[in-house]
Amino acid sequence: MSQLGDSQVHIALIQADIALGNPEHNRSHIEKLMQEAIQTGPTDLIVLPEMWNTGYALDRIHELADPEGQETQAWVSEFARAHAVNVVAGSIAEKRADGQIYNTMYVFDRAGNTVASYSKIHLFRLMDEEKYLQAGTEQVQFELDGHIRAGASICYDIRFPELARSLALSGANMLIVPAEWPHPRLHHWRTLLTARAIENQMYVLACNRVGRGGETEFFGHSTIIDPWGEIVAEGGEAEGIVRGSITPGLVTEVRGRIPVFEDRRPTLYSLN
């Protein structure tokens, strides 16, 4: 099994259908797909989609959300440890001790340790997230095997280029994006992800769900994009595992050839 560094890193994006409001079924189904990923090819990193435990069953989210994420963390931690694989466990509906619900990503290393958690900063009003969920308040980065510095982003977050740029300026060379991105905005999905990769000269790993949730259809097209903006791998609209291999050293090469960060003039920009 390879370690993350200048050698190739093998990625498995779990492009799953999600049963609306059925955490028990979803956990079993996701675990089966994760097992399949491990069994069918070399895998250094598994990424899951957004809100895979409940889908957008927001009207019942208080009863469905995982308290403090404890159940999710327990079984994903054990899976990561048992298979010596890094896991970005997409995001889940997490209920905190104060009763508030967050859309939260957990990250596990090969030993099963929880190395990071990130709660979605930008809530999507078109799906009424702001009516049921609390927004996160912090950017999050984490290291995978001590070699890759990754930044966390969830779905709607990719419409805010300031977040990805801030993560890149702070050292991230990869952006990981669990999502539930629906029809008819496939063009937006591809364009925004590619832009984030090109402008920040970083890898983008984006895992989107498929299937129907209520009245909304989700199109998949989970994708891995390199720092040049080239597609390494892209799924279709069916459930499955999207695989691709990346070479982290390419980030340094691209940033050296086109010195975007050195040529910035931040005193002339206003983000207000």
C-alpha atoms as a PDB file:
ATOM      1  CA  MET A   1       0.000   0.000   0.000  1.00  0.00           C
ATOM      2  CA  SER A   2       1.437   3.359  -1.003  1.00  0.00           C
ATOM      3  CA  GLN A   3       1.945   6.261   1.361  1.00  0.00           C
ATOM      4  CA  LEU A   4       0.895   9.790   0.456  1.00  0.00           C
ATOM      5  CA  GLY A   5       3.805  11.746  -0.985  1.00  0.00           C
ATOM      6  CA  ASP A   6       5.401  12.062  -4.402  1.00  0.00           C
ATOM      7  CA  SER A   7       4.396   8.520  -5.344  1.00  0.00           C
ATOM      8  CA  GLN A   8       0.931   7.881  -6.711  1.00  0.00           C
ATOM      9  CA  VAL A   9      -2.027   8.072  -4.335  1.00  0.00           C
ATOM     10  CA  HIS A  10      -5.037   5.906  -5.106  1.00  0.00           C
ATOM     11  CA  ILE A  11      -8.412   7.569  -4.516  1.00  0.00           C
ATOM     12  CA  ALA A  12     -11.885   6.001  -4.288  1.00  0.00           C
ATOM     13  CA  LEU A  13     -14.899   8.319  -4.377  1.00  0.00           C
ATOM     14  CA  ILE A  14     -18.039   6.540  -3.162  1.00  0.00           C
ATOM     15  CA  GLN A  15     -20.775   7.863  -5.461  1.00  0.00           C
ATOM     16  CA  ALA A  16     -23.753   6.480  -3.549  1.00  0.00           C
ATOM     17  CA  ASP A  17     -27.512   6.687  -3.655  1.00  0.00           C
ATOM     18  CA  ILE A  18     -28.872   7.801  -0.282  1.00  0.00           C
ATOM     19  CA  ALA A  19     -32.162   6.692   1.282  1.00  0.00           C
ATOM     20  CA  LEU A  20     -33.943   9.793   2.521  1.00  0.00           C
ATOM     21  CA  GLY A  21     -34.290   9.761   6.310  1.00  0.00           C
ATOM     22  CA  ASN A  22     -32.948   6.219   6.861  1.00  0.00           C
ATOM     23  CA  PRO A  23     -29.576   6.365   8.695  1.00  0.00           C
ATOM     24  CA  GLU A  24     -29.447   2.629   9.447  1.00  0.00           C
ATOM     25  CA  HIS A  25     -29.901   1.635   5.808  1.00  0.00           C
ATOM     26  CA  ASN A  26     -27.475   4.288   4.616  1.00  0.00           C
ATOM     27  CA  ARG A  27     -24.735   3.211   6.999  1.00  0.00           C
ATOM     28  CA  SER A  28     -25.059  -0.410   5.879  1.00  0.00           C
ATOM     29  CA  HIS A  29     -25.096   0.571   2.214  1.00  0.00           C
ATOM     30  CA  ILE A  30     -22.133   2.945   2.489  1.00  0.00           C
ATOM     31  CA  GLU A  31     -20.122   0.363   4.394  1.00  0.00           C
ATOM     32  CA  LYS A  32     -20.793  -2.208   1.665  1.00  0.00           C
ATOM     33  CA  LEU A  33     -19.515   0.213  -0.997  1.00  0.00           C
ATOM     34  CA  MET A  34     -16.444   1.002   1.097  1.00  0.00           C
ATOM     35  CA  GLN A  35     -15.721  -2.724   1.393  1.00  0.00           C
ATOM     36  CA  GLU A  36     -16.074  -3.017  -2.372  1.00  0.00           C
ATOM     37  CA  ALA A  37     -13.590  -0.184  -2.860  1.00  0.00           C
ATOM     38  CA  ILE A  38     -11.017  -1.918  -0.686  1.00  0.00           C
ATOM     39  CA  GLN A  39     -11.525  -5.272  -2.384  1.00  0.00           C
ATOM     40  CA  THR A  40     -11.435  -4.103  -6.000  1.00  0.00           C
ATOM     41  CA  GLY A  41      -8.290  -2.019  -6.180  1.00  0.00           C
ATOM     42  CA  PRO A  42      -5.468  -0.293  -4.298  1.00  0.00           C
ATOM     43  CA  THR A  43      -6.982   2.395  -2.099  1.00  0.00           C
ATOM     44  CA  ASP A  44      -5.178   5.029  -0.035  1.00  0.00           C
ATOM     45  CA  LEU A  45      -8.085   7.402   0.496  1.00  0.00           C
ATOM     46  CA  ILE A  46     -11.865   6.920   0.494  1.00  0.00           C
ATOM     47  CA  VAL A  47     -14.201   9.916   0.196  1.00  0.00           C
ATOM     48  CA  LEU A  48     -17.957   9.781   0.925  1.00  0.00           C
ATOM     49  CA  PRO A  49     -20.698  12.204  -0.217  1.00  0.00           C
ATOM     50  CA  GLU A  50     -22.474  14.921   1.755  1.00  0.00           C
ATOM     51  CA  MET A  51     -25.214  14.135   4.322  1.00  0.00           C
ATOM     52  CA  TRP A  52     -25.026  10.441   3.537  1.00  0.00           C
ATOM     53  CA  ASN A  53     -26.574   9.373   6.837  1.00  0.00           C
ATOM     54  CA  THR A  54     -29.933  11.142   6.386  1.00  0.00           C
ATOM     55  CA  GLY A  55     -30.023  12.912   3.045  1.00  0.00           C
ATOM     56  CA  TYR A  56     -31.929  16.189   3.119  1.00  0.00           C
ATOM     57  CA  ALA A  57     -34.735  14.947   5.391  1.00  0.00           C
ATOM     58  CA  LEU A  58     -34.565  18.324   7.096  1.00  0.00           C
ATOM     59  CA  ASP A  59     -38.110  18.242   8.470  1.00  0.00           C
ATOM     60  CA  ARG A  60     -37.042  15.262  10.641  1.00  0.00           C
ATOM     61  CA  ILE A  61     -33.409  16.133  11.096  1.00  0.00           C
ATOM     62  CA  HIS A  62     -33.566  16.620  14.868  1.00  0.00           C
ATOM     63  CA  GLU A  63     -34.668  13.022  15.388  1.00  0.00           C
ATOM     64  CA  LEU A  64     -32.398  11.561  12.687  1.00  0.00           C
ATOM     65  CA  ALA A  65     -29.102  13.369  13.312  1.00  0.00           C
ATOM     66  CA  ASP A  66     -26.205  11.455  14.910  1.00  0.00           C
ATOM     67  CA  PRO A  67     -25.632  12.770  18.472  1.00  0.00           C
ATOM     68  CA  GLU A  68     -22.126  14.296  18.533  1.00  0.00           C
ATOM     69  CA  GLY A  69     -21.392  12.100  15.502  1.00  0.00           C
ATOM     70  CA  GLN A  70     -20.543   9.290  17.910  1.00  0.00           C
ATOM     71  CA  GLU A  71     -22.030   6.374  15.984  1.00  0.00           C
ATOM     72  CA  THR A  72     -20.497   7.529  12.712  1.00  0.00           C
ATOM     73  CA  GLN A  73     -17.087   8.098  14.223  1.00  0.00           C
ATOM     74  CA  ALA A  74     -17.070   4.706  15.949  1.00  0.00           C
ATOM     75  CA  TRP A  75     -17.712   2.542  12.889  1.00  0.00           C
ATOM     76  CA  VAL A  76     -15.749   4.621  10.345  1.00  0.00           C
ATOM     77  CA  SER A  77     -12.808   4.705  12.751  1.00  0.00           C
ATOM     78  CA  GLU A  78     -12.895   0.929  13.043  1.00  0.00           C
ATOM     79  CA  PHE A  79     -13.142   0.539   9.254  1.00  0.00           C
ATOM     80  CA  ALA A  80     -10.181   2.849   8.669  1.00  0.00           C
ATOM     81  CA  ARG A  81      -8.095   1.030  11.266  1.00  0.00           C
ATOM     82  CA  ALA A  82      -9.045  -2.448  10.051  1.00  0.00           C
ATOM     83  CA  HIS A  83      -8.158  -1.632   6.438  1.00  0.00           C
ATOM     84  CA  ALA A  84      -5.311   0.846   7.077  1.00  0.00           C
ATOM     85  CA  VAL A  85      -6.985   3.427   4.839  1.00  0.00           C
ATOM     86  CA  ASN A  86      -7.593   7.173   5.157  1.00  0.00           C
ATOM     87  CA  VAL A  87     -11.291   8.097   5.088  1.00  0.00           C
ATOM     88  CA  VAL A  88     -12.956  11.440   4.538  1.00  0.00           C
ATOM     89  CA  ALA A  89     -16.371  10.417   5.815  1.00  0.00           C
ATOM     90  CA  GLY A  90     -18.258  12.865   3.616  1.00  0.00           C
ATOM     91  CA  SER A  91     -20.548  14.772   5.920  1.00  0.00           C
ATOM     92  CA  ILE A  92     -23.403  13.822   8.178  1.00  0.00           C
ATOM     93  CA  ALA A  93     -26.198  15.512  10.084  1.00  0.00           C
ATOM     94  CA  GLU A  94     -24.624  15.869  13.534  1.00  0.00           C
ATOM     95  CA  LYS A  95     -26.582  16.855  16.654  1.00  0.00           C
ATOM     96  CA  ARG A  96     -24.507  18.602  19.301  1.00  0.00           C
ATOM     97  CA  ALA A  97     -25.061  18.717  23.038  1.00  0.00           C
ATOM     98  CA  ASP A  98     -26.928  22.029  22.782  1.00  0.00           C
ATOM     99  CA  GLY A  99     -29.422  20.461  20.382  1.00  0.00           C
ATOM    100  CA  GLN A 100     -28.155  22.327  17.318  1.00  0.00           C
ATOM    101  CA  ILE A 101     -27.658  20.405  14.058  1.00  0.00           C
ATOM    102  CA  TYR A 102     -24.569  20.808  11.873  1.00  0.00           C
ATOM    103  CA  ASN A 103     -23.562  19.461   8.460  1.00  0.00           C
ATOM    104  CA  THR A 104     -20.226  17.980   9.546  1.00  0.00           C
ATOM    105  CA  MET A 105     -17.323  16.207   7.838  1.00  0.00           C
ATOM    106  CA  TYR A 106     -15.067  13.799   9.760  1.00  0.00           C
ATOM    107  CA  VAL A 107     -11.604  12.694   8.626  1.00  0.00           C
ATOM    108  CA  PHE A 108      -9.852   9.514   9.790  1.00  0.00           C
ATOM    109  CA  ASP A 109      -6.281   8.365   9.337  1.00  0.00           C
ATOM    110  CA  ARG A 110      -5.082   4.813   8.680  1.00  0.00           C
ATOM    111  CA  ALA A 111      -4.940   4.102  12.415  1.00  0.00           C
ATOM    112  CA  GLY A 112      -8.596   5.064  12.834  1.00  0.00           C
ATOM    113  CA  ASN A 113      -7.875   8.354  14.590  1.00  0.00           C
ATOM    114  CA  THR A 114     -10.242  11.261  13.982  1.00  0.00           C
ATOM    115  CA  VAL A 115      -7.801  13.854  12.651  1.00  0.00           C
ATOM    116  CA  ALA A 116     -10.259  16.610  11.697  1.00  0.00           C
ATOM    117  CA  SER A 117     -13.874  17.682  11.620  1.00  0.00           C
ATOM    118  CA  TYR A 118     -15.385  20.502   9.600  1.00  0.00           C
ATOM    119  CA  SER A 119     -18.890  21.950   9.688  1.00  0.00           C
ATOM    120  CA  LYS A 120     -20.211  23.514   6.484  1.00  0.00           C
ATOM    121  CA  ILE A 121     -19.707  27.280   6.562  1.00  0.00           C
ATOM    122  CA  HIS A 122     -22.090  28.316   3.774  1.00  0.00           C
ATOM    123  CA  LEU A 123     -25.663  27.065   4.133  1.00  0.00           C
ATOM    124  CA  PHE A 124     -27.684  26.630   0.937  1.00  0.00           C
ATOM    125  CA  ARG A 125     -30.916  28.592   1.096  1.00  0.00           C
ATOM    126  CA  LEU A 126     -32.450  26.871  -1.952  1.00  0.00           C
ATOM    127  CA  MET A 127     -32.632  23.669   0.121  1.00  0.00           C
ATOM    128  CA  ASP A 128     -33.639  25.502   3.353  1.00  0.00           C
ATOM    129  CA  GLU A 129     -30.452  24.531   5.153  1.00  0.00           C
ATOM    130  CA  GLU A 130     -30.407  27.778   7.124  1.00  0.00           C
ATOM    131  CA  LYS A 131     -33.834  26.957   8.617  1.00  0.00           C
ATOM    132  CA  TYR A 132     -32.691  23.677  10.151  1.00  0.00           C
ATOM    133  CA  LEU A 133     -28.889  23.732  10.421  1.00  0.00           C
ATOM    134  CA  GLN A 134     -26.254  25.861  12.086  1.00  0.00           C
ATOM    135  CA  ALA A 135     -23.363  27.180  10.010  1.00  0.00           C
ATOM    136  CA  GLY A 136     -19.801  26.285  10.886  1.00  0.00           C
ATOM    137  CA  THR A 137     -17.475  29.096  11.890  1.00  0.00           C
ATOM    138  CA  GLU A 138     -13.972  27.807  11.103  1.00  0.00           C
ATOM    139  CA  GLN A 139     -11.877  26.800   8.122  1.00  0.00           C
ATOM    140  CA  VAL A 140     -10.294  23.372   8.477  1.00  0.00           C
ATOM    141  CA  GLN A 141      -7.141  21.785   7.071  1.00  0.00           C
ATOM    142  CA  PHE A 142      -5.671  18.385   7.836  1.00  0.00           C
ATOM    143  CA  GLU A 143      -2.720  16.211   6.870  1.00  0.00           C
ATOM    144  CA  LEU A 144      -2.935  12.788   5.277  1.00  0.00           C
ATOM    145  CA  ASP A 145      -0.032  10.518   6.167  1.00  0.00           C
ATOM    146  CA  GLY A 146       2.012  13.597   7.031  1.00  0.00           C
ATOM    147  CA  HIS A 147       2.594  14.510   3.372  1.00  0.00           C
ATOM    148  CA  ILE A 148      -0.551  16.008   1.850  1.00  0.00           C
ATOM    149  CA  ARG A 149      -2.182  19.091   3.298  1.00  0.00           C
ATOM    150  CA  ALA A 150      -5.891  19.058   2.458  1.00  0.00           C
ATOM    151  CA  GLY A 151      -8.592  21.669   2.879  1.00  0.00           C
ATOM    152  CA  ALA A 152     -12.209  20.887   3.721  1.00  0.00           C
ATOM    153  CA  SER A 153     -15.162  22.160   1.707  1.00  0.00           C
ATOM    154  CA  ILE A 154     -18.753  20.928   1.441  1.00  0.00           C
ATOM    155  CA  CYS A 155     -20.978  21.351  -1.633  1.00  0.00           C
ATOM    156  CA  TYR A 156     -22.217  24.989  -1.726  1.00  0.00           C
ATOM    157  CA  ASP A 157     -18.851  26.102  -0.283  1.00  0.00           C
ATOM    158  CA  ILE A 158     -17.297  25.811  -3.754  1.00  0.00           C
ATOM    159  CA  ARG A 159     -19.293  28.840  -4.917  1.00  0.00           C
ATOM    160  CA  PHE A 160     -17.128  30.943  -2.585  1.00  0.00           C
ATOM    161  CA  PRO A 161     -13.644  31.178  -4.115  1.00  0.00           C
ATOM    162  CA  GLU A 162     -12.332  33.054  -1.081  1.00  0.00           C
ATOM    163  CA  LEU A 163     -12.543  29.890   1.013  1.00  0.00           C
ATOM    164  CA  ALA A 164     -10.504  27.733  -1.365  1.00  0.00           C
ATOM    165  CA  ARG A 165      -7.951  30.523  -1.894  1.00  0.00           C
ATOM    166  CA  SER A 166      -7.584  31.054   1.845  1.00  0.00           C
ATOM    167  CA  LEU A 167      -7.000  27.333   2.344  1.00  0.00           C
ATOM    168  CA  ALA A 168      -4.416  27.295  -0.459  1.00  0.00           C
ATOM    169  CA  LEU A 169      -2.602  30.311   0.957  1.00  0.00           C
ATOM    170  CA  SER A 170      -2.492  28.522   4.320  1.00  0.00           C
ATOM    171  CA  GLY A 171      -0.735  25.522   2.771  1.00  0.00           C
ATOM    172  CA  ALA A 172      -3.447  23.250   1.344  1.00  0.00           C
ATOM    173  CA  ASN A 173      -2.548  21.490  -1.899  1.00  0.00           C
ATOM    174  CA  MET A 174      -5.767  19.509  -2.145  1.00  0.00           C
ATOM    175  CA  LEU A 175      -9.435  20.464  -1.740  1.00  0.00           C
ATOM    176  CA  ILE A 176     -11.878  17.705  -0.748  1.00  0.00           C
ATOM    177  CA  VAL A 177     -15.559  18.324  -1.502  1.00  0.00           C
ATOM    178  CA  PRO A 178     -18.381  15.992  -0.407  1.00  0.00           C
ATOM    179  CA  ALA A 179     -21.629  17.108  -2.058  1.00  0.00           C
ATOM    180  CA  GLU A 180     -25.308  16.625  -2.814  1.00  0.00           C
ATOM    181  CA  TRP A 181     -25.303  18.711  -5.999  1.00  0.00           C
ATOM    182  CA  PRO A 182     -28.501  18.344  -8.046  1.00  0.00           C
ATOM    183  CA  HIS A 183     -29.811  18.664 -11.554  1.00  0.00           C
ATOM    184  CA  PRO A 184     -29.948  20.898 -13.510  1.00  0.00           C
ATOM    185  CA  ARG A 185     -26.647  22.501 -12.411  1.00  0.00           C
ATOM    186  CA  LEU A 186     -24.097  20.028 -13.815  1.00  0.00           C
ATOM    187  CA  HIS A 187     -22.359  22.786 -15.789  1.00  0.00           C
ATOM    188  CA  HIS A 188     -21.941  24.826 -12.614  1.00  0.00           C
ATOM    189  CA  TRP A 189     -20.519  21.789 -10.777  1.00  0.00           C
ATOM    190  CA  ARG A 190     -17.870  21.063 -13.402  1.00  0.00           C
ATOM    191  CA  THR A 191     -16.969  24.713 -13.961  1.00  0.00           C
ATOM    192  CA  LEU A 192     -16.645  25.683 -10.307  1.00  0.00           C
ATOM    193  CA  LEU A 193     -14.589  22.618  -9.379  1.00  0.00           C
ATOM    194  CA  THR A 194     -12.271  23.140 -12.342  1.00  0.00           C
ATOM    195  CA  ALA A 195     -11.875  26.826 -11.505  1.00  0.00           C
ATOM    196  CA  ARG A 196     -10.976  26.048  -7.893  1.00  0.00           C
ATOM    197  CA  ALA A 197      -8.308  23.611  -9.131  1.00  0.00           C
ATOM    198  CA  ILE A 198      -6.794  25.953 -11.739  1.00  0.00           C
ATOM    199  CA  GLU A 199      -6.806  29.183  -9.756  1.00  0.00           C
ATOM    200  CA  ASN A 200      -5.327  27.550  -6.648  1.00  0.00           C
ATOM    201  CA  GLN A 201      -3.090  25.075  -8.511  1.00  0.00           C
ATOM    202  CA  MET A 202      -4.325  22.231  -6.330  1.00  0.00           C
ATOM    203  CA  TYR A 203      -6.003  18.862  -6.656  1.00  0.00           C
ATOM    204  CA  VAL A 204      -9.774  18.813  -6.199  1.00  0.00           C
ATOM    205  CA  LEU A 205     -11.518  15.618  -5.083  1.00  0.00           C
ATOM    206  CA  ALA A 206     -15.297  16.011  -5.270  1.00  0.00           C
ATOM    207  CA  CYS A 207     -17.715  13.233  -4.299  1.00  0.00           C
ATOM    208  CA  ASN A 208     -21.366  13.762  -5.259  1.00  0.00           C
ATOM    209  CA  ARG A 209     -24.343  11.526  -4.593  1.00  0.00           C
ATOM    210  CA  VAL A 210     -26.730  10.019  -7.130  1.00  0.00           C
ATOM    211  CA  GLY A 211     -30.417   9.154  -7.032  1.00  0.00           C
ATOM    212  CA  ARG A 212     -33.505  11.030  -5.898  1.00  0.00           C
ATOM    213  CA  GLY A 213     -34.123  12.743  -2.584  1.00  0.00           C
ATOM    214  CA  GLY A 214     -37.726  13.892  -2.347  1.00  0.00           C
ATOM    215  CA  GLU A 215     -38.329  15.924  -5.511  1.00  0.00           C
ATOM    216  CA  THR A 216     -34.640  16.479  -6.212  1.00  0.00           C
ATOM    217  CA  GLU A 217     -32.506  14.448  -8.640  1.00  0.00           C
ATOM    218  CA  PHE A 218     -28.755  14.196  -8.041  1.00  0.00           C
ATOM    219  CA  PHE A 219     -26.430  13.536 -10.954  1.00  0.00           C
ATOM    220  CA  GLY A 220     -23.200  12.148  -9.510  1.00  0.00           C
ATOM    221  CA  HIS A 221     -20.274  13.049 -11.783  1.00  0.00           C
ATOM    222  CA  SER A 222     -17.898  12.728  -8.856  1.00  0.00           C
ATOM    223  CA  THR A 223     -14.556  13.911 -10.103  1.00  0.00           C
ATOM    224  CA  ILE A 224     -10.831  14.189  -9.487  1.00  0.00           C
ATOM    225  CA  ILE A 225      -9.164  17.235 -11.052  1.00  0.00           C
ATOM    226  CA  ASP A 226      -5.430  17.932 -11.151  1.00  0.00           C
ATOM    227  CA  PRO A 227      -3.685  21.311 -10.559  1.00  0.00           C
ATOM    228  CA  TRP A 228      -3.729  22.063 -14.318  1.00  0.00           C
ATOM    229  CA  GLY A 229      -7.515  21.688 -14.317  1.00  0.00           C
ATOM    230  CA  GLU A 230      -7.363  18.362 -16.183  1.00  0.00           C
ATOM    231  CA  ILE A 231      -9.877  15.645 -15.314  1.00  0.00           C
ATOM    232  CA  VAL A 232      -8.153  12.609 -13.781  1.00  0.00           C
ATOM    233  CA  ALA A 233     -11.410  10.683 -13.303  1.00  0.00           C
ATOM    234  CA  GLU A 234     -15.122  11.407 -13.525  1.00  0.00           C
ATOM    235  CA  GLY A 235     -18.166   9.286 -12.799  1.00  0.00           C
ATOM    236  CA  GLY A 236     -21.451   9.177 -14.646  1.00  0.00           C
ATOM    237  CA  GLU A 237     -24.936   9.300 -13.130  1.00  0.00           C
ATOM    238  CA  ALA A 238     -25.033   5.721 -11.802  1.00  0.00           C
ATOM    239  CA  GLU A 239     -24.034   4.592  -8.359  1.00  0.00           C
ATOM    240  CA  GLY A 240     -20.510   3.243  -8.090  1.00  0.00           C
ATOM    241  CA  ILE A 241     -16.898   3.840  -7.148  1.00  0.00           C
ATOM    242  CA  VAL A 242     -14.996   6.527  -9.032  1.00  0.00           C
ATOM    243  CA  ARG A 243     -11.275   5.743  -8.977  1.00  0.00           C
ATOM    244  CA  GLY A 244      -8.262   7.804  -9.868  1.00  0.00           C
ATOM    245  CA  SER A 245      -4.591   8.114  -8.978  1.00  0.00           C
ATOM    246  CA  ILE A 246      -2.852  11.397  -8.270  1.00  0.00           C
ATOM    247  CA  THR A 247       0.769  12.487  -7.876  1.00  0.00           C
ATOM    248  CA  PRO A 248       1.041  15.118  -5.109  1.00  0.00           C
ATOM    249  CA  GLY A 249       4.387  16.377  -6.410  1.00  0.00           C
ATOM    250  CA  LEU A 250       2.550  17.831  -9.420  1.00  0.00           C
ATOM    251  CA  VAL A 251       1.243  20.644  -7.192  1.00  0.00           C
ATOM    252  CA  THR A 252       4.776  21.896  -6.522  1.00  0.00           C
ATOM    253  CA  GLU A 253       5.627  21.633 -10.224  1.00  0.00           C
ATOM    254  CA  VAL A 254       2.583  23.615 -11.366  1.00  0.00           C
ATOM    255  CA  ARG A 255       3.016  26.302  -8.730  1.00  0.00           C
ATOM    256  CA  GLY A 256       6.644  26.638  -9.777  1.00  0.00           C
ATOM    257  CA  ARG A 257       5.884  26.993 -13.487  1.00  0.00           C
ATOM    258  CA  ILE A 258       3.125  29.598 -13.103  1.00  0.00           C
ATOM    259  CA  PRO A 259       3.892  31.542  -9.887  1.00  0.00           C
ATOM    260  CA  VAL A 260       0.356  32.761  -9.198  1.00  0.00           C
ATOM    261  CA  PHE A 261       0.857  33.063  -5.461  1.00  0.00           C
ATOM    262  CA  GLU A 262       4.056  35.078  -5.817  1.00  0.00           C
ATOM    263  CA  ASP A 263       2.385  37.427  -8.320  1.00  0.00           C
ATOM    264  CA  ARG A 264      -0.615  38.252  -6.151  1.00  0.00           C
ATOM    265  CA  ARG A 265      -1.151  41.911  -5.147  1.00  0.00           C
ATOM    266  CA  PRO A 266      -3.437  41.519  -2.124  1.00  0.00           C
ATOM    267  CA  THR A 267      -3.200  45.194  -1.103  1.00  0.00           C
ATOM    268  CA  LEU A 268      -5.187  46.035  -4.235  1.00  0.00           C
ATOM    269  CA  TYR A 269      -7.975  43.540  -3.598  1.00  0.00           C
ATOM    270  CA  SER A 270     -11.036  44.086  -1.464  1.00  0.00           C
ATOM    271  CA  LEU A 271     -13.095  41.137  -0.218  1.00  0.00           C
ATOM    272  CA  ASN A 272     -15.677  43.215   1.635  1.00  0.00           C
END
